[in-house]
Structures are given as C-alpha cells and as structure tokens.
C-alpha cells in the first residue's frame, strides 16, 4: 500500500526534479535528487502540516543544491563561496557565477515609491490601471507618482527621464504596418548555414539586457494586422534562484488565445539565455483584475503555454540541419512524430524592397499541437518571416469546419501526408 510520503512525493516529484535540474549541471542532478528524497524521507515525521509538503521539499532541494555548490566551488576553485550571500549566488546547468551586487536605483527607494514607479515606467501601465491594482483613487496615484519621482530625482538625478515617452520603448509602440508588406520566398541552390537562434520561441525577442522590438501578426488572405506586440527587456530577475532577465510585453488587440479581459494586455516574462537554450522561466499577467503568475515549476499549467523542450529546457539556439525533417516544395516528411524542429533549406526572402539570405526552420507541433510553422532566420539569427499552418482538423470542435473550408484561398502544405492550411504570418520591427 502506498504510504502518505510516497503519495505526496509522487504528486510533487516533477516540481522537485525541475527545480534541481535547472540549478545543477546535468551530470550532478540525479545524485542531488537522491539526497533530497532521502533527506525528505528521514525528516517526514517532523513535518507537522502536510499541506506544506511541496514548499518543504523544495526547501530541502535548495539546501542540497547549495551543499553541492560548495563542493563544486571547492573542487573548481571558482569563487570563495563561503563569502557570497545566497541571494547573490547564481548557479545553473552551465556552472557557477556571482551576480553583480550593484543595486538598481529603484531598489534603493522605499517599497511604496519603488512599487508605483515600476508600475508606471517599467510595466508602462496607465494611471487608471495603477489605481485599480493598488486600490487607490487616480488622484492619489498622481500625487504619489509626483513625490516618488521627486525623491528619485534628488537621490539619482541622472537615472530618471522626466518624460514617460522617453523611457517606454523609445516610440516603438504601434509601429508595425497595418498590412503586411508583399513578400516572395525563393529556394536557394546554396547549402544552409549554421545559425545561432537566441530568440524566445513564439515571441521573437532575445532575452538579453538592452533588447527590444515590436512584432505583429497578419491574417490571410486579408493580410491585415490583427495584433501587435511591443517588447523590451527591462532588467535582471531571478526565479527560484535561476538568473534571467525580465521582459515586458504590451499586446494591442490581442487574439482570442492571448486575451485576458484587458486591451492592451500587459504581460511580464522572466527568461534566460544559455550557451545551448533560450527558455522562459516565468510568465505573469492580469486577468479580469487578478494577477496570475506561472513558473517553470508549475507543471502542465506552465508547459502548455510557456514551456518548450524536455524538462522545460527551452528551444535550442545552435541550429544546423539534422536530417529529421525533409522538404520538397509543399511536401514535408519527418522521421519523428511531432515536437521536432529542423533546418530544411536555404531561401532568399524578399520583403518589400529588401532581400534576405535565410535558412528555413520547420517546427512540427513544438509551438502547439496541430500546428506547423515555417521560420526564416538570417545569418544573425533574427526572424525575417514566421508563417503558421493549422492541421486541417485543428480545433474543429470550436470552428465546426476544416481549415481548408474556412480558408479555401490559403496555401496548403502536407506533413507526412496530412494537410495543413496557412493561417497567419508574423514579422518584426527588425525588417523595417
């Protein structure tokens, strides 16, 4: 008969494994996990509130990871780890590093001042939205902003612009054209080049300080803009001790799948770029006035929307043809079943009056079940054009018809003999 400990461990095993595997190099993680499980088993009788099991065992995992950090530091002589506060330590699957101890200007203000300035400048929220979030009148928001800015200017006069429009996105909001520029895709006789693709899958921004861009999606056959997103990396952030960057996204006229009850939608990501992967660590947004937060430890609630790859490792950044996917015109064959991505050829993409030498990446159901995408990357690893195709029966319970009937004028491709219908495209401000 399964014991209470075994039942609780089984319910939370995935979260524990994700936590450890995000913090510890692959070859070390299994040993640390065994230490976590043994310590939890031996100490289980001392856990008075069994509802706290997940937080309790994650705490054990954190301590065991830190023990392993100390061993690794002594072995590799990388850093005097005993002198480094835990919150300053950043250790992941690629080794040990120490975060900068430079405190951002906002972090040196009172919580009250920092909160309202972050909402206004970094998350770009209107004063009415700030009033709703904080539960105070708009007039109070205005006065608190005035005094918070004054205190920040006195303390750090060089760190604050007085005009909000100079801070937020440098006028990159609503810059994408209303109609997608005409484009042409031509197969190149040249061999595809290897490329480093650092963008967050599905969001086109590179999770690195200083990055920002806008992008838009365009329905076909009308070719009109249906949603525009402005994104900017706003600073450093950590999730469960994993260091990354915070990214703010503002979605104008969001499509149904992205809708939260607000327009525009303000969404915040924490993401990380490593030598091998680009991955999302956390996402948060408001939905009908309630702030929701998802992290890589949240199982299917996170994976279904924001996680990619085994154990949420993210999308590969170093791409070259693997031979998994083959393309011959509109016919695509794949030796795997789904959740695969490969370079399938080299193409010249002409958009408006500009031509780009690109490689084409075919993604089969990584992005979403029943969805295949073409993504054309230039030698800088930046997306020139992204095209989505739906399986003919995708979401047929909702739309009541196959996509070949819903969009009879649109292009079709076949993947292992199954029909997929072109739905929409995305381009970014990189091509403007």
Protein backbone atom coordinates (compact mmCIF):
# COMPACT_ATOMS: atom_id res chain seq x y z
CA UNK A 1 0.00 0.00 0.00
CA UNK A 2 1.29 3.46 -0.92
CA UNK A 3 2.32 5.48 2.14
CA UNK A 4 1.41 9.14 2.66
CA UNK A 5 5.03 10.13 2.00
CA UNK A 6 5.13 8.19 -1.27
CA UNK A 7 1.83 9.74 -2.39
CA UNK A 8 2.97 13.31 -1.67
CA UNK A 9 6.36 12.71 -3.24
CA UNK A 10 4.78 11.36 -6.40
CA UNK A 11 2.48 14.39 -6.64
CA UNK A 12 5.41 16.80 -6.34
CA UNK A 13 8.26 14.85 -7.96
CA UNK A 14 8.11 16.77 -11.25
CA UNK A 15 8.43 20.13 -9.48
CA UNK A 16 11.39 18.91 -7.42
CA UNK A 17 13.16 17.48 -10.46
CA UNK A 18 12.65 20.65 -12.48
CA UNK A 19 13.99 22.76 -9.63
CA UNK A 20 17.15 20.68 -9.22
CA UNK A 21 17.78 20.20 -12.95
CA UNK A 22 17.53 23.94 -13.58
CA UNK A 23 20.15 24.65 -10.91
CA UNK A 24 22.59 21.75 -11.13
CA UNK A 25 24.69 20.53 -14.09
CA UNK A 26 23.11 17.52 -15.79
CA UNK A 27 25.71 15.00 -14.62
CA UNK A 28 25.23 16.02 -10.97
CA UNK A 29 21.45 16.39 -10.77
CA UNK A 30 20.48 12.75 -10.21
CA UNK A 31 22.83 12.39 -7.25
CA UNK A 32 21.43 15.55 -5.67
CA UNK A 33 17.87 14.33 -6.23
CA UNK A 34 18.60 11.09 -4.40
CA UNK A 35 19.98 13.10 -1.48
CA UNK A 36 16.82 15.25 -1.47
CA UNK A 37 14.49 12.22 -1.43
CA UNK A 38 16.46 10.50 1.33
CA UNK A 39 16.52 13.63 3.50
CA UNK A 40 12.79 14.15 2.94
CA UNK A 41 12.02 10.53 3.86
CA UNK A 42 14.06 10.71 7.04
CA UNK A 43 12.56 14.04 8.09
CA UNK A 44 8.94 13.46 7.02
CA UNK A 45 7.67 12.64 10.51
CA UNK A 46 8.75 16.12 11.67
CA UNK A 47 6.58 17.86 9.06
CA UNK A 48 3.53 18.90 11.07
CA UNK A 49 1.44 20.42 8.25
CA UNK A 50 1.38 18.01 5.32
CA UNK A 51 -0.25 20.72 3.15
CA UNK A 52 3.17 22.40 3.14
CA UNK A 53 4.91 19.35 1.64
CA UNK A 54 5.79 21.00 -1.70
CA UNK A 55 7.37 24.09 -0.13
CA UNK A 56 9.10 21.90 2.46
CA UNK A 57 10.71 19.52 -0.03
CA UNK A 58 11.68 22.38 -2.38
CA UNK A 59 13.44 23.91 0.66
CA UNK A 60 15.33 20.65 1.15
CA UNK A 61 16.24 20.66 -2.54
CA UNK A 62 17.50 24.24 -2.27
CA UNK A 63 19.74 23.32 0.65
CA UNK A 64 21.08 20.21 -1.09
CA UNK A 65 21.81 22.25 -4.22
CA UNK A 66 23.69 24.78 -2.13
CA UNK A 67 25.69 21.97 -0.49
CA UNK A 68 26.61 20.79 -3.96
CA UNK A 69 27.54 24.34 -4.99
CA UNK A 70 30.03 24.47 -2.13
CA UNK A 71 31.58 21.19 -3.20
CA UNK A 72 31.81 22.33 -6.83
CA UNK A 73 33.34 25.66 -5.85
CA UNK A 74 35.99 23.97 -3.73
CA UNK A 75 36.70 21.44 -6.50
CA UNK A 76 36.90 24.02 -9.29
CA UNK A 77 38.28 26.89 -7.20
CA UNK A 78 35.94 29.27 -9.00
CA UNK A 79 34.84 31.50 -6.15
CA UNK A 80 35.11 31.84 -2.38
CA UNK A 81 31.57 30.65 -1.96
CA UNK A 82 31.56 30.98 1.81
CA UNK A 83 31.83 34.77 1.43
CA UNK A 84 28.93 35.07 -1.03
CA UNK A 85 25.37 35.62 0.31
CA UNK A 86 22.94 33.04 -1.05
CA UNK A 87 20.83 35.64 -2.85
CA UNK A 88 23.94 36.76 -4.80
CA UNK A 89 24.77 33.22 -5.98
CA UNK A 90 23.65 32.16 -9.44
CA UNK A 91 24.34 28.54 -10.33
CA UNK A 92 22.74 26.74 -13.23
CA UNK A 93 23.36 23.86 -15.59
CA UNK A 94 26.35 25.70 -17.08
CA UNK A 95 28.24 26.33 -13.84
CA UNK A 96 28.74 28.87 -11.08
CA UNK A 97 28.74 32.64 -11.31
CA UNK A 98 28.33 35.52 -8.87
CA UNK A 99 25.76 38.19 -9.59
CA UNK A 100 26.72 41.86 -9.54
CA UNK A 101 25.98 43.48 -6.19
CA UNK A 102 25.15 46.79 -7.83
CA UNK A 103 21.69 47.75 -6.57
CA UNK A 104 19.36 49.38 -9.06
CA UNK A 105 18.16 52.86 -8.23
CA UNK A 106 14.57 51.76 -7.73
CA UNK A 107 15.68 49.11 -5.28
CA UNK A 108 17.16 51.79 -3.06
CA UNK A 109 13.84 53.63 -2.63
CA UNK A 110 11.06 52.75 -0.20
CA UNK A 111 8.80 49.88 -1.20
CA UNK A 112 5.94 52.32 -1.71
CA UNK A 113 7.91 54.59 -4.07
CA UNK A 114 9.55 51.70 -5.91
CA UNK A 115 6.21 49.95 -6.47
CA UNK A 116 4.46 52.86 -8.14
CA UNK A 117 7.47 53.84 -10.28
CA UNK A 118 7.89 50.26 -11.51
CA UNK A 119 4.21 50.07 -12.45
CA UNK A 120 4.38 53.38 -14.32
CA UNK A 121 7.80 53.24 -16.00
CA UNK A 122 8.76 49.57 -16.35
CA UNK A 123 5.33 48.00 -16.85
CA UNK A 124 4.04 51.08 -18.69
CA UNK A 125 0.63 50.97 -17.03
CA UNK A 126 -1.83 53.88 -17.34
CA UNK A 127 -2.61 55.69 -14.10
CA UNK A 128 -6.16 54.28 -14.07
CA UNK A 129 -4.77 50.71 -14.16
CA UNK A 130 -2.30 51.53 -11.38
CA UNK A 131 -5.19 52.89 -9.29
CA UNK A 132 -7.13 49.65 -9.81
CA UNK A 133 -4.14 47.44 -8.95
CA UNK A 134 -3.25 49.38 -5.79
CA UNK A 135 -6.86 50.03 -4.78
CA UNK A 136 -6.42 53.79 -4.53
CA UNK A 137 -8.01 56.78 -6.34
CA UNK A 138 -6.41 58.06 -9.54
CA UNK A 139 -5.74 61.39 -7.80
CA UNK A 140 -3.70 59.54 -5.17
CA UNK A 141 -1.74 57.78 -7.94
CA UNK A 142 -0.86 61.18 -9.45
CA UNK A 143 0.33 62.64 -6.18
CA UNK A 144 2.31 59.52 -5.20
CA UNK A 145 3.96 59.47 -8.63
CA UNK A 146 4.90 63.14 -8.28
CA UNK A 147 6.54 62.69 -4.89
CA UNK A 148 8.19 59.35 -5.80
CA UNK A 149 9.74 60.91 -8.92
CA UNK A 150 10.93 63.88 -6.89
CA UNK A 151 12.63 61.64 -4.34
CA UNK A 152 14.25 59.56 -7.10
CA UNK A 153 15.48 62.67 -8.91
CA UNK A 154 17.04 64.02 -5.71
CA UNK A 155 18.78 60.74 -4.99
CA UNK A 156 19.76 59.77 -8.56
CA UNK A 157 19.21 62.79 -10.86
CA UNK A 158 20.95 61.09 -13.80
CA UNK A 159 18.80 57.93 -13.71
CA UNK A 160 15.30 59.28 -14.40
CA UNK A 161 13.86 60.82 -17.54
CA UNK A 162 11.05 63.23 -16.80
CA UNK A 163 9.04 62.26 -19.87
CA UNK A 164 7.48 58.82 -19.81
CA UNK A 165 7.56 58.56 -23.60
CA UNK A 166 11.35 58.83 -23.47
CA UNK A 167 11.50 55.81 -21.19
CA UNK A 168 9.00 53.40 -22.65
CA UNK A 169 10.13 51.65 -25.77
CA UNK A 170 11.53 54.76 -27.47
CA UNK A 171 8.37 55.16 -29.51
CA UNK A 172 8.27 51.51 -30.64
CA UNK A 173 4.57 51.12 -29.78
CA UNK A 174 2.19 50.69 -32.70
CA UNK A 175 4.88 51.00 -35.37
CA UNK A 176 4.10 47.93 -37.44
CA UNK A 177 2.31 48.46 -40.79
CA UNK A 178 -1.42 47.79 -40.99
CA UNK A 179 -0.91 45.45 -43.96
CA UNK A 180 1.99 43.02 -44.23
CA UNK A 181 4.48 44.06 -46.91
CA UNK A 182 4.40 41.91 -50.04
CA UNK A 183 6.96 39.13 -49.86
CA UNK A 184 8.48 36.40 -52.02
CA UNK A 185 10.23 33.19 -50.90
CA UNK A 186 12.71 31.57 -53.31
CA UNK A 187 14.69 28.35 -52.78
CA UNK A 188 18.44 28.91 -52.90
CA UNK A 189 20.84 26.39 -54.51
CA UNK A 190 23.32 27.05 -51.68
CA UNK A 191 23.67 24.84 -48.64
CA UNK A 192 22.04 26.13 -45.43
CA UNK A 193 24.36 27.87 -42.99
CA UNK A 194 24.52 27.06 -39.27
CA UNK A 195 22.84 29.77 -37.21
CA UNK A 196 22.58 30.78 -33.55
CA UNK A 197 18.91 31.44 -32.84
CA UNK A 198 18.63 33.16 -29.46
CA UNK A 199 15.04 34.42 -29.67
CA UNK A 200 12.31 33.26 -27.27
CA UNK A 201 10.15 30.81 -29.19
CA UNK A 202 6.91 32.46 -30.27
CA UNK A 203 7.89 35.94 -29.00
CA UNK A 204 10.89 36.88 -31.22
CA UNK A 205 12.85 38.84 -28.60
CA UNK A 206 16.30 37.79 -27.39
CA UNK A 207 16.35 37.57 -23.56
CA UNK A 208 19.35 39.84 -23.12
CA UNK A 209 19.74 43.24 -21.48
CA UNK A 210 19.20 46.10 -23.93
CA UNK A 211 16.97 44.17 -26.35
CA UNK A 212 13.61 45.50 -27.55
CA UNK A 213 11.41 45.12 -30.61
CA UNK A 214 7.85 45.15 -31.89
CA UNK A 215 6.16 42.47 -33.95
CA UNK A 216 2.75 41.88 -35.46
CA UNK A 217 0.63 39.07 -36.83
CA UNK A 218 -1.31 39.26 -40.08
CA UNK A 219 -4.28 37.08 -41.03
CA UNK A 220 -4.55 35.65 -44.51
CA UNK A 221 -5.91 36.07 -47.12
CA UNK A 222 -6.72 39.66 -45.99
CA UNK A 223 -3.05 40.28 -44.96
CA UNK A 224 -4.22 42.83 -42.36
CA UNK A 225 -2.68 43.30 -38.93
CA UNK A 226 -4.68 41.58 -36.19
CA UNK A 227 -2.36 42.00 -33.19
CA UNK A 228 0.78 43.99 -32.40
CA UNK A 229 3.19 43.35 -29.54
CA UNK A 230 5.85 45.70 -28.17
CA UNK A 231 8.55 44.06 -26.05
CA UNK A 232 11.52 45.26 -24.02
CA UNK A 233 14.00 43.67 -21.63
CA UNK A 234 13.70 45.84 -18.50
CA UNK A 235 16.31 44.39 -16.14
CA UNK A 236 17.69 41.36 -14.34
CA UNK A 237 15.45 38.92 -12.50
CA UNK A 238 15.62 35.55 -10.77
CA UNK A 239 13.03 32.78 -10.43
CA UNK A 240 13.63 30.14 -7.76
CA UNK A 241 17.28 31.18 -7.73
CA UNK A 242 17.71 30.91 -11.52
CA UNK A 243 19.06 34.13 -13.01
CA UNK A 244 17.47 35.61 -16.13
CA UNK A 245 16.05 38.87 -17.39
CA UNK A 246 12.62 40.46 -17.03
CA UNK A 247 10.77 41.20 -20.27
CA UNK A 248 7.69 43.38 -20.54
CA UNK A 249 5.25 42.78 -23.40
CA UNK A 250 2.34 45.03 -24.36
CA UNK A 251 -0.18 43.30 -26.65
CA UNK A 252 -2.51 45.54 -28.64
CA UNK A 253 -5.82 43.99 -29.81
CA UNK A 254 -4.77 40.52 -28.64
CA UNK A 255 -6.09 37.48 -30.47
CA UNK A 256 -8.58 35.31 -28.58
CA UNK A 257 -5.95 32.88 -27.27
CA UNK A 258 -3.98 35.78 -25.74
CA UNK A 259 -6.93 37.78 -24.41
CA UNK A 260 -7.15 38.41 -20.66
CA UNK A 261 -10.02 40.88 -20.44
CA UNK A 262 -7.74 43.91 -20.93
CA UNK A 263 -6.71 45.76 -24.09
CA UNK A 264 -3.84 46.23 -24.29
CA UNK A 265 -2.62 43.21 -22.33
CA UNK A 266 0.45 43.83 -20.17
CA UNK A 267 2.47 40.64 -19.75
CA UNK A 268 5.76 40.07 -17.93
CA UNK A 269 8.21 37.25 -18.62
CA UNK A 270 11.38 36.13 -16.95
CA UNK A 271 13.58 34.33 -19.47
CA UNK A 272 17.12 33.01 -19.66
CA UNK A 273 19.62 32.61 -22.48
CA UNK A 274 22.33 29.96 -22.04
CA UNK A 275 25.01 28.57 -24.35
CA UNK A 276 22.55 25.96 -25.60
CA UNK A 277 18.97 27.10 -25.00
CA UNK A 278 16.63 30.08 -24.78
CA UNK A 279 13.90 29.43 -22.26
CA UNK A 280 11.08 31.05 -20.33
CA UNK A 281 11.29 30.76 -16.54
CA UNK A 282 8.07 32.56 -15.58
CA UNK A 283 5.11 34.49 -17.00
CA UNK A 284 2.61 36.78 -15.32
CA UNK A 285 -0.37 38.85 -16.41
CA UNK A 286 -3.61 40.26 -15.05
CA UNK A 287 -6.85 38.51 -15.92
CA UNK A 288 -10.08 40.30 -15.05
CA UNK A 289 -8.28 42.21 -12.31
CA UNK A 290 -6.46 39.19 -10.83
CA UNK A 291 -2.68 38.93 -11.18
CA UNK A 292 -1.62 35.43 -12.29
CA UNK A 293 1.90 34.04 -12.13
CA UNK A 294 3.28 30.82 -13.61
CA UNK A 295 6.82 29.46 -13.23
CA UNK A 296 8.69 26.50 -14.68
CA UNK A 297 7.83 24.52 -11.54
CA UNK A 298 4.08 24.69 -12.21
CA UNK A 299 3.74 21.56 -14.33
CA UNK A 300 1.29 21.48 -17.21
CA UNK A 301 -0.15 24.91 -16.33
CA UNK A 302 3.22 26.32 -17.39
CA UNK A 303 4.30 23.78 -20.01
CA UNK A 304 1.13 24.03 -22.10
CA UNK A 305 1.69 27.75 -22.69
CA UNK A 306 5.28 28.74 -22.00
CA UNK A 307 7.47 25.65 -21.73
CA UNK A 308 9.36 24.00 -24.59
CA UNK A 309 11.71 21.07 -24.72
CA UNK A 310 12.41 18.27 -22.28
CA UNK A 311 12.02 19.43 -18.67
CA UNK A 312 11.23 22.94 -19.96
CA UNK A 313 14.81 23.31 -21.19
CA UNK A 314 13.61 25.73 -23.90
CA UNK A 315 14.40 25.92 -27.60
CA UNK A 316 17.82 25.05 -28.99
CA UNK A 317 19.89 28.04 -30.06
CA UNK A 318 22.62 26.36 -32.12
CA UNK A 319 20.90 25.18 -35.30
CA UNK A 320 22.13 23.17 -38.27
CA UNK A 321 20.40 20.53 -40.42
CA UNK A 322 19.83 17.26 -38.55
CA UNK A 323 18.08 15.40 -41.35
CA UNK A 324 14.99 14.80 -39.20
CA UNK A 325 12.72 16.87 -41.47
CA UNK A 326 12.89 16.90 -45.26
CA UNK A 327 11.13 19.39 -47.53
CA UNK A 328 10.31 19.10 -51.21
CA UNK A 329 8.23 22.10 -52.24
CA UNK A 330 4.95 21.89 -50.31
CA UNK A 331 5.58 18.31 -49.15
CA UNK A 332 7.24 17.80 -45.78
CA UNK A 333 8.28 14.47 -44.32
CA UNK A 334 9.51 13.85 -40.82
CA UNK A 335 11.22 10.79 -39.36
CA UNK A 336 9.84 11.63 -35.91
CA UNK A 337 6.20 12.06 -34.96
CA UNK A 338 5.90 15.56 -33.51
CA UNK A 339 7.65 18.07 -31.21
CA UNK A 340 10.55 18.27 -33.66
CA UNK A 341 12.37 21.21 -35.24
CA UNK A 342 14.96 21.21 -38.02
CA UNK A 343 16.67 23.31 -40.67
CA UNK A 344 15.24 22.29 -44.06
CA UNK A 345 16.99 24.55 -46.56
CA UNK A 346 18.28 27.93 -47.60
CA UNK A 347 15.98 30.58 -49.06
CA UNK A 348 16.02 34.16 -50.29
CA UNK A 349 13.16 36.06 -48.70
CA UNK A 350 12.28 39.38 -50.30
CA UNK A 351 10.02 41.66 -48.25
CA UNK A 352 9.16 44.97 -49.87
CA UNK A 353 12.40 46.18 -51.44
CA UNK A 354 14.75 44.22 -49.13
CA UNK A 355 16.14 40.72 -49.74
CA UNK A 356 17.46 38.44 -47.02
CA UNK A 357 19.61 35.30 -47.20
CA UNK A 358 17.92 32.92 -44.75
CA UNK A 359 17.63 29.37 -43.53
CA UNK A 360 14.17 27.90 -43.07
CA UNK A 361 13.28 26.23 -39.77
CA UNK A 362 10.30 23.87 -39.79
CA UNK A 363 8.68 23.31 -36.39
CA UNK A 364 6.25 20.41 -36.13
CA UNK A 365 3.97 20.77 -33.09
CA UNK A 366 6.53 22.23 -30.68
CA UNK A 367 4.69 25.52 -30.67
CA UNK A 368 1.24 23.95 -30.35
CA UNK A 369 -0.46 20.62 -31.08
CA UNK A 370 -1.76 20.53 -34.64
CA UNK A 371 0.42 23.49 -35.66
CA UNK A 372 3.36 23.58 -38.07
CA UNK A 373 5.42 26.72 -38.60
CA UNK A 374 8.00 27.98 -41.06
CA UNK A 375 10.54 30.41 -39.63
CA UNK A 376 13.08 32.16 -41.86
CA UNK A 377 16.23 33.29 -40.00
CA UNK A 378 19.04 35.45 -41.35
CA UNK A 379 22.72 34.94 -40.50
CA UNK A 380 22.23 36.99 -37.31
CA UNK A 381 19.65 34.50 -36.08
CA UNK A 382 16.85 37.08 -36.36
CA UNK A 383 13.40 36.19 -37.67
CA UNK A 384 12.65 37.65 -41.09
CA UNK A 385 9.29 35.90 -41.54
CA UNK A 386 7.26 33.42 -39.46
CA UNK A 387 4.32 31.54 -41.00
CA UNK A 388 1.73 29.38 -39.20
CA UNK A 389 -0.14 26.41 -40.66
CA UNK A 390 -3.01 24.60 -38.91
CA UNK A 391 -3.82 20.93 -39.30
CA UNK A 392 -6.99 20.74 -41.36
CA UNK A 393 -8.90 19.43 -38.34
CA UNK A 394 -7.22 21.70 -35.75
CA UNK A 395 -9.79 22.87 -33.13
CA UNK A 396 -12.60 21.58 -35.35
CA UNK A 397 -14.89 21.29 -32.34
CA UNK A 398 -14.67 25.05 -31.96
CA UNK A 399 -14.60 26.16 -35.60
CA UNK A 400 -17.01 23.43 -36.87
CA UNK A 401 -15.29 23.16 -40.26
CA UNK A 402 -11.91 22.00 -41.56
CA UNK A 403 -9.49 24.83 -42.24
CA UNK A 404 -9.45 24.08 -45.96
CA UNK A 405 -13.16 25.06 -45.94
CA UNK A 406 -12.68 28.03 -43.61
CA UNK A 407 -9.78 29.45 -45.67
CA UNK A 408 -10.15 27.94 -49.15
CA UNK A 409 -7.89 30.58 -50.77
CA UNK A 410 -4.96 29.96 -48.44
CA UNK A 411 -1.84 27.96 -49.20
CA UNK A 412 -1.65 24.33 -48.02
CA UNK A 413 1.24 22.01 -47.24
CA UNK A 414 1.36 18.33 -46.30
CA UNK A 415 3.31 16.84 -43.40
CA UNK A 416 3.69 13.08 -43.64
CA UNK A 417 0.65 13.15 -45.92
CA UNK A 418 -1.55 15.23 -43.58
CA UNK A 419 -2.91 18.57 -44.80
CA UNK A 420 -2.04 21.83 -43.06
CA UNK A 421 -3.56 25.21 -44.01
CA UNK A 422 -1.83 28.60 -43.83
CA UNK A 423 -3.49 30.86 -41.23
CA UNK A 424 -1.33 33.89 -40.34
CA UNK A 425 2.19 35.37 -40.55
CA UNK A 426 4.39 37.39 -38.21
CA UNK A 427 7.09 39.95 -38.98
CA UNK A 428 9.10 42.12 -36.59
CA UNK A 429 10.44 45.65 -36.50
CA UNK A 430 13.84 44.15 -37.36
CA UNK A 431 12.87 44.19 -41.06
CA UNK A 432 11.53 47.76 -41.10
